[in-house]
Amino acid sequence: MASFMQSLPVCSASRKQSTAVPFYLHKASQSRVSPGTRSSFSSLCSSARLTPSQLTSRHSSQIISQPQVAAQQCRTFLVQLKRQSQTLKETPVSQPPPNLQLTNLPYFIRRTASNQLPVYLVTKAGGTKQQTKLQKTEGDLDALRNDLAQYLGLESGDPRAPKSPDVTINRLNGHIIVKGWRKPEILKFLQERNF
């Protein structure tokens, strides 16, 4: 307690709460505090116990005898943090929330644990075969494959047209594999659909 009292500056709050300090703690702090600090602390404690008339007469004599020191107000860290959080709550948000269009697509892409889209570049056959793999798919994989192939320009919208072999589905693990390195285009496709 004594080392704590020495390290902190004397605050207005400690002046008000000095009467709440138990007598035995006050004695212990006086025995361990240096004489200069002890005299200022004890004068604060004794001034808190004075009557208002004694306080004004003592205060006026101190003003005449000692030069006035600027009053310094200090707060604990928790009080400052509480006030900062209050000011943040009070300020209105100036930016409107972005428009999120909810779509009822028959498929869904889950994000990874690090909140990334599960699109990966794969090289096979010594680096000569390059693929882009879309993982964590759920729902209607055929609809996802058709939409992705149309977006990449590999298929037309005609249902009678033959399907492109560049976009395939691995039904065992639910991955969609696209020939070539098409990661930026697939990421844009997924972000447009709010995945």
N, C-alpha and C. Protein backbone atom coordinates (compact mmCIF):
# COMPACT_ATOMS: atom_id res chain seq x y z
N MET A 1 0.83 -1.19 0.00
CA MET A 1 0.00 0.00 0.00
C MET A 1 0.87 1.24 0.00
N ALA A 2 1.98 1.19 0.78
CA ALA A 2 2.82 2.38 0.88
C ALA A 2 3.52 2.65 -0.44
N SER A 3 4.01 1.59 -1.11
CA SER A 3 4.67 1.82 -2.39
C SER A 3 3.66 2.29 -3.43
N PHE A 4 2.45 1.81 -3.33
CA PHE A 4 1.40 2.25 -4.24
C PHE A 4 1.09 3.73 -4.02
N MET A 5 1.06 4.15 -2.78
CA MET A 5 0.77 5.55 -2.47
C MET A 5 1.89 6.46 -2.96
N GLN A 6 3.14 5.97 -2.91
CA GLN A 6 4.26 6.81 -3.35
C GLN A 6 4.26 6.97 -4.86
N SER A 7 3.86 5.91 -5.60
CA SER A 7 3.99 5.96 -7.04
C SER A 7 2.92 6.82 -7.71
N LEU A 8 1.75 6.94 -7.11
CA LEU A 8 0.67 7.70 -7.74
C LEU A 8 0.69 9.16 -7.30
N PRO A 9 0.37 10.08 -8.20
CA PRO A 9 0.22 11.47 -7.78
C PRO A 9 -1.05 11.61 -6.95
N VAL A 10 -1.06 12.61 -6.10
CA VAL A 10 -2.21 12.83 -5.24
C VAL A 10 -3.33 13.40 -6.11
N CYS A 11 -4.45 12.74 -6.12
CA CYS A 11 -5.57 13.12 -6.96
C CYS A 11 -6.69 13.69 -6.13
N SER A 12 -7.58 14.36 -6.83
CA SER A 12 -8.73 14.91 -6.12
C SER A 12 -9.60 13.79 -5.58
N ALA A 13 -9.63 12.67 -6.29
CA ALA A 13 -10.44 11.55 -5.81
C ALA A 13 -9.87 10.98 -4.53
N SER A 14 -8.52 10.94 -4.41
CA SER A 14 -7.93 10.40 -3.18
C SER A 14 -8.15 11.37 -2.02
N ARG A 15 -8.26 12.65 -2.32
CA ARG A 15 -8.55 13.61 -1.25
C ARG A 15 -9.94 13.36 -0.68
N LYS A 16 -10.89 13.09 -1.57
CA LYS A 16 -12.26 12.86 -1.12
C LYS A 16 -12.39 11.53 -0.40
N GLN A 17 -11.60 10.54 -0.81
CA GLN A 17 -11.72 9.22 -0.23
C GLN A 17 -10.76 8.98 0.91
N SER A 18 -10.01 10.00 1.31
CA SER A 18 -9.01 9.79 2.36
C SER A 18 -9.66 9.46 3.70
N THR A 19 -10.89 9.90 3.91
CA THR A 19 -11.56 9.56 5.17
C THR A 19 -11.98 8.11 5.19
N ALA A 20 -12.09 7.49 4.00
CA ALA A 20 -12.50 6.10 3.95
C ALA A 20 -11.35 5.14 4.23
N VAL A 21 -10.11 5.63 4.23
CA VAL A 21 -8.95 4.78 4.51
C VAL A 21 -8.98 4.42 5.98
N PRO A 22 -8.93 3.12 6.32
CA PRO A 22 -8.94 2.73 7.73
C PRO A 22 -7.74 3.31 8.47
N PHE A 23 -7.92 3.45 9.77
CA PHE A 23 -6.91 4.09 10.60
C PHE A 23 -5.61 3.29 10.60
N TYR A 24 -5.70 1.97 10.66
CA TYR A 24 -4.48 1.16 10.71
C TYR A 24 -3.71 1.24 9.41
N LEU A 25 -4.39 1.37 8.27
CA LEU A 25 -3.69 1.54 6.99
C LEU A 25 -3.04 2.91 6.93
N HIS A 26 -3.71 3.90 7.47
CA HIS A 26 -3.16 5.25 7.50
C HIS A 26 -1.87 5.27 8.32
N LYS A 27 -1.87 4.58 9.48
CA LYS A 27 -0.67 4.52 10.32
C LYS A 27 0.45 3.79 9.60
N ALA A 28 0.10 2.67 8.91
CA ALA A 28 1.12 1.89 8.22
C ALA A 28 1.72 2.69 7.07
N SER A 29 0.89 3.44 6.37
CA SER A 29 1.41 4.21 5.25
C SER A 29 2.29 5.36 5.74
N GLN A 30 1.96 5.93 6.90
CA GLN A 30 2.77 7.02 7.43
C GLN A 30 4.13 6.51 7.89
N SER A 31 4.19 5.29 8.37
CA SER A 31 5.47 4.78 8.88
C SER A 31 6.42 4.43 7.74
N ARG A 32 5.91 4.12 6.53
CA ARG A 32 6.77 3.71 5.43
C ARG A 32 6.99 4.81 4.40
N VAL A 33 6.24 5.86 4.44
CA VAL A 33 6.33 6.93 3.45
C VAL A 33 7.44 7.89 3.85
N SER A 34 8.11 8.46 2.83
CA SER A 34 9.17 9.42 3.11
C SER A 34 8.59 10.65 3.79
N PRO A 35 9.42 11.45 4.50
CA PRO A 35 8.89 12.58 5.26
C PRO A 35 8.16 13.60 4.39
N GLY A 36 8.67 13.88 3.19
CA GLY A 36 8.01 14.88 2.33
C GLY A 36 6.64 14.40 1.87
N THR A 37 6.59 13.14 1.47
CA THR A 37 5.33 12.59 1.01
C THR A 37 4.37 12.42 2.17
N ARG A 38 4.92 12.01 3.33
CA ARG A 38 4.07 11.79 4.50
C ARG A 38 3.42 13.09 4.94
N SER A 39 4.16 14.17 4.91
CA SER A 39 3.58 15.43 5.37
C SER A 39 2.46 15.89 4.44
N SER A 40 2.66 15.71 3.11
CA SER A 40 1.60 16.14 2.21
C SER A 40 0.39 15.22 2.31
N PHE A 41 0.64 13.92 2.47
CA PHE A 41 -0.48 12.98 2.59
C PHE A 41 -1.21 13.17 3.90
N SER A 42 -0.46 13.36 4.98
CA SER A 42 -1.12 13.54 6.27
C SER A 42 -1.86 14.87 6.33
N SER A 43 -1.32 15.89 5.65
CA SER A 43 -2.05 17.15 5.64
C SER A 43 -3.34 17.02 4.86
N LEU A 44 -3.32 16.20 3.80
CA LEU A 44 -4.54 15.98 3.06
C LEU A 44 -5.56 15.25 3.91
N CYS A 45 -5.09 14.22 4.64
CA CYS A 45 -6.01 13.45 5.47
C CYS A 45 -6.55 14.31 6.60
N SER A 46 -5.69 15.10 7.19
CA SER A 46 -6.16 15.93 8.29
C SER A 46 -7.09 17.04 7.78
N SER A 47 -6.85 17.52 6.56
CA SER A 47 -7.74 18.56 6.03
C SER A 47 -9.11 17.98 5.71
N ALA A 48 -9.16 16.68 5.43
CA ALA A 48 -10.45 16.07 5.15
C ALA A 48 -11.28 15.94 6.42
N ARG A 49 -10.64 15.89 7.59
CA ARG A 49 -11.35 15.74 8.86
C ARG A 49 -11.73 17.09 9.49
N LEU A 50 -11.25 18.18 8.95
CA LEU A 50 -11.53 19.49 9.53
C LEU A 50 -12.96 19.92 9.22
N THR A 51 -13.47 20.79 10.04
CA THR A 51 -14.78 21.38 9.78
C THR A 51 -14.64 22.41 8.68
N PRO A 52 -15.72 22.79 8.04
CA PRO A 52 -15.62 23.75 6.94
C PRO A 52 -15.02 25.09 7.33
N SER A 53 -15.31 25.60 8.55
CA SER A 53 -14.74 26.89 8.95
C SER A 53 -13.24 26.77 9.17
N GLN A 54 -12.78 25.64 9.76
CA GLN A 54 -11.35 25.43 9.95
C GLN A 54 -10.67 25.25 8.60
N LEU A 55 -11.37 24.61 7.69
CA LEU A 55 -10.80 24.35 6.37
C LEU A 55 -10.58 25.64 5.61
N THR A 56 -11.53 26.58 5.66
CA THR A 56 -11.37 27.83 4.92
C THR A 56 -10.27 28.68 5.53
N SER A 57 -10.16 28.70 6.87
CA SER A 57 -9.09 29.49 7.48
C SER A 57 -7.73 28.87 7.18
N ARG A 58 -7.66 27.55 7.22
CA ARG A 58 -6.39 26.88 6.93
C ARG A 58 -6.04 27.04 5.45
N HIS A 59 -7.05 26.94 4.58
CA HIS A 59 -6.83 27.05 3.15
C HIS A 59 -6.35 28.45 2.78
N SER A 60 -6.92 29.47 3.40
CA SER A 60 -6.50 30.84 3.09
C SER A 60 -5.08 31.09 3.59
N SER A 61 -4.69 30.49 4.70
CA SER A 61 -3.31 30.66 5.18
C SER A 61 -2.33 29.92 4.27
N GLN A 62 -2.74 28.80 3.70
CA GLN A 62 -1.86 28.07 2.79
C GLN A 62 -1.68 28.83 1.49
N ILE A 63 -2.72 29.50 1.03
CA ILE A 63 -2.62 30.26 -0.22
C ILE A 63 -1.62 31.40 -0.05
N ILE A 64 -1.64 32.04 1.08
CA ILE A 64 -0.73 33.16 1.32
C ILE A 64 0.70 32.67 1.49
N SER A 65 0.88 31.55 2.20
CA SER A 65 2.24 31.11 2.51
C SER A 65 2.88 30.33 1.38
N GLN A 66 2.12 29.57 0.58
CA GLN A 66 2.71 28.74 -0.46
C GLN A 66 2.25 29.21 -1.83
N PRO A 67 3.12 29.08 -2.84
CA PRO A 67 2.68 29.42 -4.19
C PRO A 67 1.63 28.40 -4.66
N GLN A 68 0.68 28.86 -5.44
CA GLN A 68 -0.42 28.01 -5.90
C GLN A 68 0.11 27.04 -6.96
N VAL A 69 -0.18 25.76 -6.78
CA VAL A 69 0.18 24.73 -7.75
C VAL A 69 -1.07 24.43 -8.56
N ALA A 70 -0.90 24.29 -9.86
CA ALA A 70 -2.05 24.02 -10.71
C ALA A 70 -2.69 22.69 -10.32
N ALA A 71 -3.99 22.70 -10.21
CA ALA A 71 -4.71 21.48 -9.81
C ALA A 71 -4.63 20.48 -10.95
N GLN A 72 -4.29 19.26 -10.60
CA GLN A 72 -4.15 18.22 -11.61
C GLN A 72 -5.18 17.15 -11.31
N GLN A 73 -5.96 16.82 -12.31
CA GLN A 73 -6.97 15.80 -12.13
C GLN A 73 -6.48 14.54 -12.82
N CYS A 74 -6.55 13.42 -12.14
CA CYS A 74 -6.12 12.18 -12.76
C CYS A 74 -7.21 11.14 -12.57
N ARG A 75 -7.30 10.24 -13.53
CA ARG A 75 -8.31 9.20 -13.49
C ARG A 75 -7.64 7.85 -13.66
N THR A 76 -8.30 6.85 -13.17
CA THR A 76 -7.77 5.51 -13.35
C THR A 76 -7.99 5.08 -14.79
N PHE A 77 -7.30 4.02 -15.17
CA PHE A 77 -7.39 3.52 -16.54
C PHE A 77 -8.80 3.04 -16.85
N LEU A 78 -9.45 2.39 -15.89
CA LEU A 78 -10.79 1.87 -16.14
C LEU A 78 -11.80 2.99 -16.36
N VAL A 79 -11.65 4.10 -15.64
CA VAL A 79 -12.56 5.23 -15.83
C VAL A 79 -12.36 5.82 -17.21
N GLN A 80 -11.10 5.96 -17.64
CA GLN A 80 -10.84 6.50 -18.97
C GLN A 80 -11.40 5.57 -20.04
N LEU A 81 -11.23 4.26 -19.85
CA LEU A 81 -11.73 3.30 -20.81
C LEU A 81 -13.26 3.34 -20.87
N LYS A 82 -13.90 3.47 -19.71
CA LYS A 82 -15.35 3.55 -19.66
C LYS A 82 -15.85 4.79 -20.39
N ARG A 83 -15.18 5.91 -20.19
CA ARG A 83 -15.61 7.14 -20.85
C ARG A 83 -15.39 7.07 -22.35
N GLN A 84 -14.31 6.42 -22.77
CA GLN A 84 -14.09 6.28 -24.21
C GLN A 84 -15.17 5.41 -24.83
N SER A 85 -15.56 4.34 -24.14
CA SER A 85 -16.60 3.47 -24.69
C SER A 85 -17.94 4.20 -24.72
N GLN A 86 -18.19 5.07 -23.75
CA GLN A 86 -19.43 5.83 -23.75
C GLN A 86 -19.47 6.80 -24.93
N THR A 87 -18.34 7.44 -25.22
CA THR A 87 -18.32 8.38 -26.34
C THR A 87 -18.47 7.64 -27.66
N LEU A 88 -17.92 6.42 -27.75
CA LEU A 88 -18.08 5.66 -28.98
C LEU A 88 -19.53 5.23 -29.17
N LYS A 89 -20.22 4.91 -28.07
CA LYS A 89 -21.62 4.52 -28.18
C LYS A 89 -22.50 5.70 -28.54
N GLU A 90 -22.14 6.89 -28.07
CA GLU A 90 -22.97 8.07 -28.28
C GLU A 90 -22.86 8.61 -29.70
N THR A 91 -21.71 8.42 -30.36
CA THR A 91 -21.55 8.98 -31.70
C THR A 91 -22.31 8.12 -32.70
N PRO A 92 -23.14 8.72 -33.55
CA PRO A 92 -23.90 7.95 -34.52
C PRO A 92 -23.00 7.51 -35.67
N VAL A 93 -23.34 6.41 -36.28
CA VAL A 93 -22.59 5.89 -37.41
C VAL A 93 -22.97 6.69 -38.65
N SER A 94 -21.96 7.26 -39.31
CA SER A 94 -22.24 8.12 -40.46
C SER A 94 -22.37 7.32 -41.75
N GLN A 95 -21.80 6.11 -41.80
CA GLN A 95 -21.85 5.32 -43.01
C GLN A 95 -23.08 4.43 -43.00
N PRO A 96 -23.85 4.42 -44.08
CA PRO A 96 -24.98 3.50 -44.13
C PRO A 96 -24.47 2.08 -44.37
N PRO A 97 -25.16 1.07 -43.86
CA PRO A 97 -24.71 -0.30 -44.09
C PRO A 97 -24.84 -0.66 -45.57
N PRO A 98 -23.95 -1.50 -46.09
CA PRO A 98 -24.02 -1.85 -47.50
C PRO A 98 -25.27 -2.68 -47.78
N ASN A 99 -25.77 -2.55 -49.00
CA ASN A 99 -26.96 -3.29 -49.38
C ASN A 99 -26.60 -4.74 -49.62
N LEU A 100 -27.15 -5.62 -48.81
CA LEU A 100 -26.92 -7.05 -48.97
C LEU A 100 -28.17 -7.65 -49.62
N GLN A 101 -27.97 -8.22 -50.78
CA GLN A 101 -29.08 -8.85 -51.46
C GLN A 101 -29.04 -10.34 -51.14
N LEU A 102 -30.07 -10.79 -50.49
CA LEU A 102 -30.16 -12.21 -50.16
C LEU A 102 -30.75 -12.94 -51.35
N THR A 103 -30.04 -13.95 -51.81
CA THR A 103 -30.49 -14.71 -52.96
C THR A 103 -30.78 -16.13 -52.51
N ASN A 104 -31.71 -16.75 -53.16
CA ASN A 104 -32.05 -18.14 -52.86
C ASN A 104 -31.42 -19.03 -53.92
N LEU A 105 -30.12 -19.19 -53.84
CA LEU A 105 -29.42 -20.05 -54.77
C LEU A 105 -29.52 -21.49 -54.29
N PRO A 106 -29.53 -22.44 -55.22
CA PRO A 106 -29.63 -23.84 -54.80
C PRO A 106 -28.31 -24.43 -54.30
N TYR A 107 -27.28 -23.61 -54.23
CA TYR A 107 -25.97 -24.09 -53.77
C TYR A 107 -25.39 -23.09 -52.78
N PHE A 108 -24.39 -23.56 -52.04
CA PHE A 108 -23.76 -22.71 -51.02
C PHE A 108 -22.29 -23.07 -50.92
N ILE A 109 -21.44 -22.07 -50.69
CA ILE A 109 -20.01 -22.26 -50.50
C ILE A 109 -19.67 -21.81 -49.09
N ARG A 110 -19.16 -22.72 -48.27
CA ARG A 110 -18.75 -22.36 -46.90
C ARG A 110 -17.36 -21.75 -46.94
N ARG A 111 -17.12 -20.79 -46.06
CA ARG A 111 -15.79 -20.19 -45.94
C ARG A 111 -14.91 -21.05 -45.06
N THR A 112 -13.60 -20.83 -45.14
CA THR A 112 -12.65 -21.57 -44.32
C THR A 112 -12.66 -21.03 -42.90
N ALA A 113 -11.89 -21.68 -42.02
CA ALA A 113 -11.83 -21.24 -40.63
C ALA A 113 -11.23 -19.84 -40.51
N SER A 114 -10.39 -19.45 -41.46
CA SER A 114 -9.80 -18.12 -41.44
C SER A 114 -10.62 -17.12 -42.26
N ASN A 115 -11.88 -17.46 -42.54
CA ASN A 115 -12.84 -16.60 -43.23
C ASN A 115 -12.40 -16.27 -44.66
N GLN A 116 -11.76 -17.20 -45.32
CA GLN A 116 -11.36 -17.03 -46.72
C GLN A 116 -12.25 -17.91 -47.59
N LEU A 117 -12.34 -17.56 -48.87
CA LEU A 117 -13.09 -18.39 -49.79
C LEU A 117 -12.24 -19.61 -50.18
N PRO A 118 -12.83 -20.80 -50.25
CA PRO A 118 -12.05 -22.02 -50.48
C PRO A 118 -11.74 -22.26 -51.95
N VAL A 119 -10.93 -21.40 -52.53
CA VAL A 119 -10.51 -21.53 -53.92
C VAL A 119 -9.00 -21.73 -53.91
N TYR A 120 -8.54 -22.83 -54.54
CA TYR A 120 -7.12 -23.19 -54.45
C TYR A 120 -6.56 -23.48 -55.84
N LEU A 121 -5.29 -23.14 -56.03
CA LEU A 121 -4.57 -23.44 -57.26
C LEU A 121 -3.81 -24.75 -57.07
N VAL A 122 -3.93 -25.64 -58.06
CA VAL A 122 -3.31 -26.96 -57.97
C VAL A 122 -2.49 -27.19 -59.23
N THR A 123 -1.28 -27.70 -59.05
CA THR A 123 -0.46 -28.10 -60.20
C THR A 123 -0.21 -29.59 -60.11
N LYS A 124 -0.31 -30.27 -61.26
CA LYS A 124 -0.08 -31.71 -61.33
C LYS A 124 0.82 -32.01 -62.52
N ALA A 125 1.28 -33.23 -62.58
CA ALA A 125 2.11 -33.72 -63.70
C ALA A 125 3.35 -32.87 -63.88
N GLY A 126 4.03 -32.60 -62.78
CA GLY A 126 5.28 -31.86 -62.86
C GLY A 126 5.10 -30.39 -63.19
N GLY A 127 3.93 -29.86 -62.96
CA GLY A 127 3.67 -28.44 -63.21
C GLY A 127 3.08 -28.16 -64.57
N THR A 128 2.83 -29.20 -65.37
CA THR A 128 2.27 -28.96 -66.70
C THR A 128 0.75 -28.93 -66.71
N LYS A 129 0.13 -29.53 -65.68
CA LYS A 129 -1.33 -29.53 -65.59
C LYS A 129 -1.74 -28.59 -64.46
N GLN A 130 -2.39 -27.49 -64.81
CA GLN A 130 -2.77 -26.48 -63.82
C GLN A 130 -4.29 -26.47 -63.67
N GLN A 131 -4.73 -26.48 -62.40
CA GLN A 131 -6.15 -26.51 -62.12
C GLN A 131 -6.49 -25.53 -61.00
N THR A 132 -7.74 -25.12 -60.99
CA THR A 132 -8.28 -24.33 -59.89
C THR A 132 -9.39 -25.15 -59.25
N LYS A 133 -9.31 -25.31 -57.93
CA LYS A 133 -10.24 -26.17 -57.23
C LYS A 133 -11.11 -25.34 -56.29
N LEU A 134 -12.41 -25.57 -56.35
CA LEU A 134 -13.38 -24.92 -55.48
C LEU A 134 -13.90 -25.97 -54.50
N GLN A 135 -13.63 -25.76 -53.21
CA GLN A 135 -13.99 -26.74 -52.19
C GLN A 135 -15.13 -26.22 -51.33
N LYS A 136 -15.55 -27.05 -50.37
CA LYS A 136 -16.60 -26.73 -49.38
C LYS A 136 -17.91 -26.34 -50.04
N THR A 137 -18.31 -27.08 -51.05
CA THR A 137 -19.56 -26.79 -51.75
C THR A 137 -20.69 -27.61 -51.12
N GLU A 138 -21.89 -27.04 -51.13
CA GLU A 138 -23.07 -27.72 -50.61
C GLU A 138 -24.24 -27.44 -51.54
N GLY A 139 -25.19 -28.35 -51.57
CA GLY A 139 -26.39 -28.14 -52.36
C GLY A 139 -26.28 -28.72 -53.76
N ASP A 140 -26.90 -28.05 -54.72
CA ASP A 140 -26.97 -28.52 -56.10
C ASP A 140 -25.66 -28.18 -56.82
N LEU A 141 -24.79 -29.18 -56.96
CA LEU A 141 -23.49 -28.96 -57.58
C LEU A 141 -23.61 -28.73 -59.09
N ASP A 142 -24.63 -29.34 -59.72
CA ASP A 142 -24.80 -29.14 -61.17
C ASP A 142 -25.17 -27.69 -61.48
N ALA A 143 -26.02 -27.09 -60.65
CA ALA A 143 -26.39 -25.68 -60.87
C ALA A 143 -25.17 -24.78 -60.65
N LEU A 144 -24.36 -25.08 -59.64
CA LEU A 144 -23.14 -24.30 -59.39
C LEU A 144 -22.18 -24.43 -60.56
N ARG A 145 -22.01 -25.66 -61.07
CA ARG A 145 -21.10 -25.88 -62.19
C ARG A 145 -21.57 -25.12 -63.43
N ASN A 146 -22.88 -25.15 -63.71
CA ASN A 146 -23.41 -24.46 -64.89
C ASN A 146 -23.25 -22.94 -64.76
N ASP A 147 -23.57 -22.39 -63.58
CA ASP A 147 -23.41 -20.94 -63.38
C ASP A 147 -21.95 -20.51 -63.49
N LEU A 148 -21.05 -21.31 -62.93
CA LEU A 148 -19.63 -20.98 -62.98
C LEU A 148 -19.09 -21.07 -64.40
N ALA A 149 -19.49 -22.09 -65.15
CA ALA A 149 -19.03 -22.24 -66.53
C ALA A 149 -19.55 -21.09 -67.40
N GLN A 150 -20.78 -20.65 -67.18
CA GLN A 150 -21.32 -19.52 -67.94
C GLN A 150 -20.59 -18.24 -67.58
N TYR A 151 -20.28 -18.05 -66.29
CA TYR A 151 -19.59 -16.84 -65.85
C TYR A 151 -18.18 -16.78 -66.43
N LEU A 152 -17.50 -17.92 -66.50
CA LEU A 152 -16.14 -17.95 -67.04
C LEU A 152 -16.11 -17.91 -68.56
N GLY A 153 -17.27 -18.01 -69.20
CA GLY A 153 -17.32 -17.95 -70.66
C GLY A 153 -16.98 -19.27 -71.32
N LEU A 154 -17.07 -20.36 -70.59
CA LEU A 154 -16.74 -21.67 -71.15
C LEU A 154 -17.96 -22.34 -71.76
N GLU A 155 -19.16 -21.90 -71.38
CA GLU A 155 -20.40 -22.45 -71.92
C GLU A 155 -21.36 -21.31 -72.22
N SER A 156 -22.24 -21.57 -73.16
CA SER A 156 -23.30 -20.61 -73.43
C SER A 156 -24.49 -20.95 -72.54
N GLY A 157 -25.50 -20.12 -72.56
CA GLY A 157 -26.68 -20.35 -71.73
C GLY A 157 -27.64 -21.36 -72.32
N ASP A 158 -27.33 -21.91 -73.48
CA ASP A 158 -28.22 -22.85 -74.15
C ASP A 158 -28.15 -24.22 -73.46
N PRO A 159 -29.28 -24.75 -73.00
CA PRO A 159 -29.24 -26.04 -72.32
C PRO A 159 -28.94 -27.21 -73.26
N ARG A 160 -29.16 -27.03 -74.60
CA ARG A 160 -28.89 -28.12 -75.54
C ARG A 160 -27.43 -28.17 -75.96
N ALA A 161 -26.66 -27.13 -75.61
CA ALA A 161 -25.25 -27.10 -75.99
C ALA A 161 -24.48 -28.12 -75.16
N PRO A 162 -23.43 -28.69 -75.73
CA PRO A 162 -22.65 -29.68 -74.96
C PRO A 162 -21.93 -29.02 -73.79
N LYS A 163 -21.76 -29.80 -72.72
CA LYS A 163 -21.08 -29.27 -71.53
C LYS A 163 -19.58 -29.24 -71.78
N SER A 164 -18.96 -28.22 -71.26
CA SER A 164 -17.51 -28.05 -71.43
C SER A 164 -16.77 -29.03 -70.51
N PRO A 165 -15.74 -29.69 -71.02
CA PRO A 165 -14.94 -30.58 -70.17
C PRO A 165 -13.96 -29.82 -69.27
N ASP A 166 -13.92 -28.49 -69.42
CA ASP A 166 -12.99 -27.70 -68.61
C ASP A 166 -13.48 -27.51 -67.17
N VAL A 167 -14.77 -27.73 -66.92
CA VAL A 167 -15.32 -27.61 -65.57
C VAL A 167 -15.93 -28.95 -65.21
N THR A 168 -15.36 -29.60 -64.19
CA THR A 168 -15.84 -30.93 -63.78
C THR A 168 -16.21 -30.92 -62.30
N ILE A 169 -16.99 -31.93 -61.92
CA ILE A 169 -17.42 -32.08 -60.53
C ILE A 169 -16.84 -33.38 -60.00
N ASN A 170 -16.21 -33.34 -58.85
CA ASN A 170 -15.80 -34.54 -58.14
C ASN A 170 -16.89 -34.80 -57.10
N ARG A 171 -17.74 -35.77 -57.36
CA ARG A 171 -18.91 -35.99 -56.51
C ARG A 171 -18.55 -36.67 -55.19
N LEU A 172 -17.39 -37.28 -55.09
CA LEU A 172 -17.01 -37.92 -53.83
C LEU A 172 -16.77 -36.90 -52.72
N ASN A 173 -16.08 -35.83 -53.06
CA ASN A 173 -15.78 -34.83 -52.02
C ASN A 173 -16.46 -33.48 -52.28
N GLY A 174 -17.23 -33.35 -53.35
CA GLY A 174 -17.98 -32.12 -53.61
C GLY A 174 -17.13 -30.98 -54.12
N HIS A 175 -16.00 -31.27 -54.77
CA HIS A 175 -15.14 -30.22 -55.32
C HIS A 175 -15.50 -29.97 -56.78
N ILE A 176 -15.36 -28.73 -57.19
CA ILE A 176 -15.52 -28.36 -58.59
C ILE A 176 -14.14 -27.97 -59.10
N ILE A 177 -13.72 -28.59 -60.19
CA ILE A 177 -12.36 -28.41 -60.71
C ILE A 177 -12.47 -27.72 -62.08
N VAL A 178 -11.71 -26.63 -62.21
CA VAL A 178 -11.68 -25.85 -63.45
C VAL A 178 -10.27 -25.93 -64.01
N LYS A 179 -10.15 -26.20 -65.31
CA LYS A 179 -8.83 -26.25 -65.94
C LYS A 179 -8.24 -24.85 -66.02
N GLY A 180 -6.95 -24.75 -65.74
CA GLY A 180 -6.25 -23.47 -65.80
C GLY A 180 -6.28 -22.75 -64.46
N TRP A 181 -5.50 -21.69 -64.40
CA TRP A 181 -5.45 -20.88 -63.18
C TRP A 181 -6.47 -19.76 -63.31
N ARG A 182 -7.62 -19.96 -62.72
CA ARG A 182 -8.73 -19.02 -62.84
C ARG A 182 -9.18 -18.51 -61.47
N LYS A 183 -8.28 -18.48 -60.51
CA LYS A 183 -8.66 -18.11 -59.14
C LYS A 183 -9.26 -16.71 -59.03
N PRO A 184 -8.67 -15.64 -59.61
CA PRO A 184 -9.27 -14.31 -59.46
C PRO A 184 -10.70 -14.23 -60.01
N GLU A 185 -10.95 -14.91 -61.13
CA GLU A 185 -12.28 -14.88 -61.73
C GLU A 185 -13.29 -15.64 -60.87
N ILE A 186 -12.88 -16.77 -60.30
CA ILE A 186 -13.79 -17.55 -59.45
C ILE A 186 -14.06 -16.80 -58.16
N LEU A 187 -13.05 -16.13 -57.60
CA LEU A 187 -13.27 -15.33 -56.39
C LEU A 187 -14.26 -14.21 -56.66
N LYS A 188 -14.14 -13.56 -57.80
CA LYS A 188 -15.08 -12.50 -58.16
C LYS A 188 -16.49 -13.05 -58.32
N PHE A 189 -16.60 -14.23 -58.93
CA PHE A 189 -17.90 -14.90 -59.09
C PHE A 189 -18.55 -15.15 -57.73
N LEU A 190 -17.77 -15.64 -56.77
CA LEU A 190 -18.31 -15.95 -55.45
C LEU A 190 -18.66 -14.68 -54.66
N GLN A 191 -17.84 -13.65 -54.80
CA GLN A 191 -18.10 -12.41 -54.07
C GLN A 191 -19.33 -11.68 -54.61
N GLU A 192 -19.60 -11.80 -55.90
CA GLU A 192 -20.81 -11.20 -56.47
C GLU A 192 -22.07 -11.87 -55.94
N ARG A 193 -21.94 -13.12 -55.53
CA ARG A 193 -23.08 -13.86 -54.99
C ARG A 193 -23.09 -13.88 -53.46
N ASN A 194 -22.30 -13.02 -52.84
CA ASN A 194 -22.26 -12.82 -51.38
C ASN A 194 -21.90 -14.07 -50.60
N PHE A 195 -20.93 -14.85 -51.10
CA PHE A 195 -20.44 -16.00 -50.33
C PHE A 195 -19.29 -15.59 -49.47
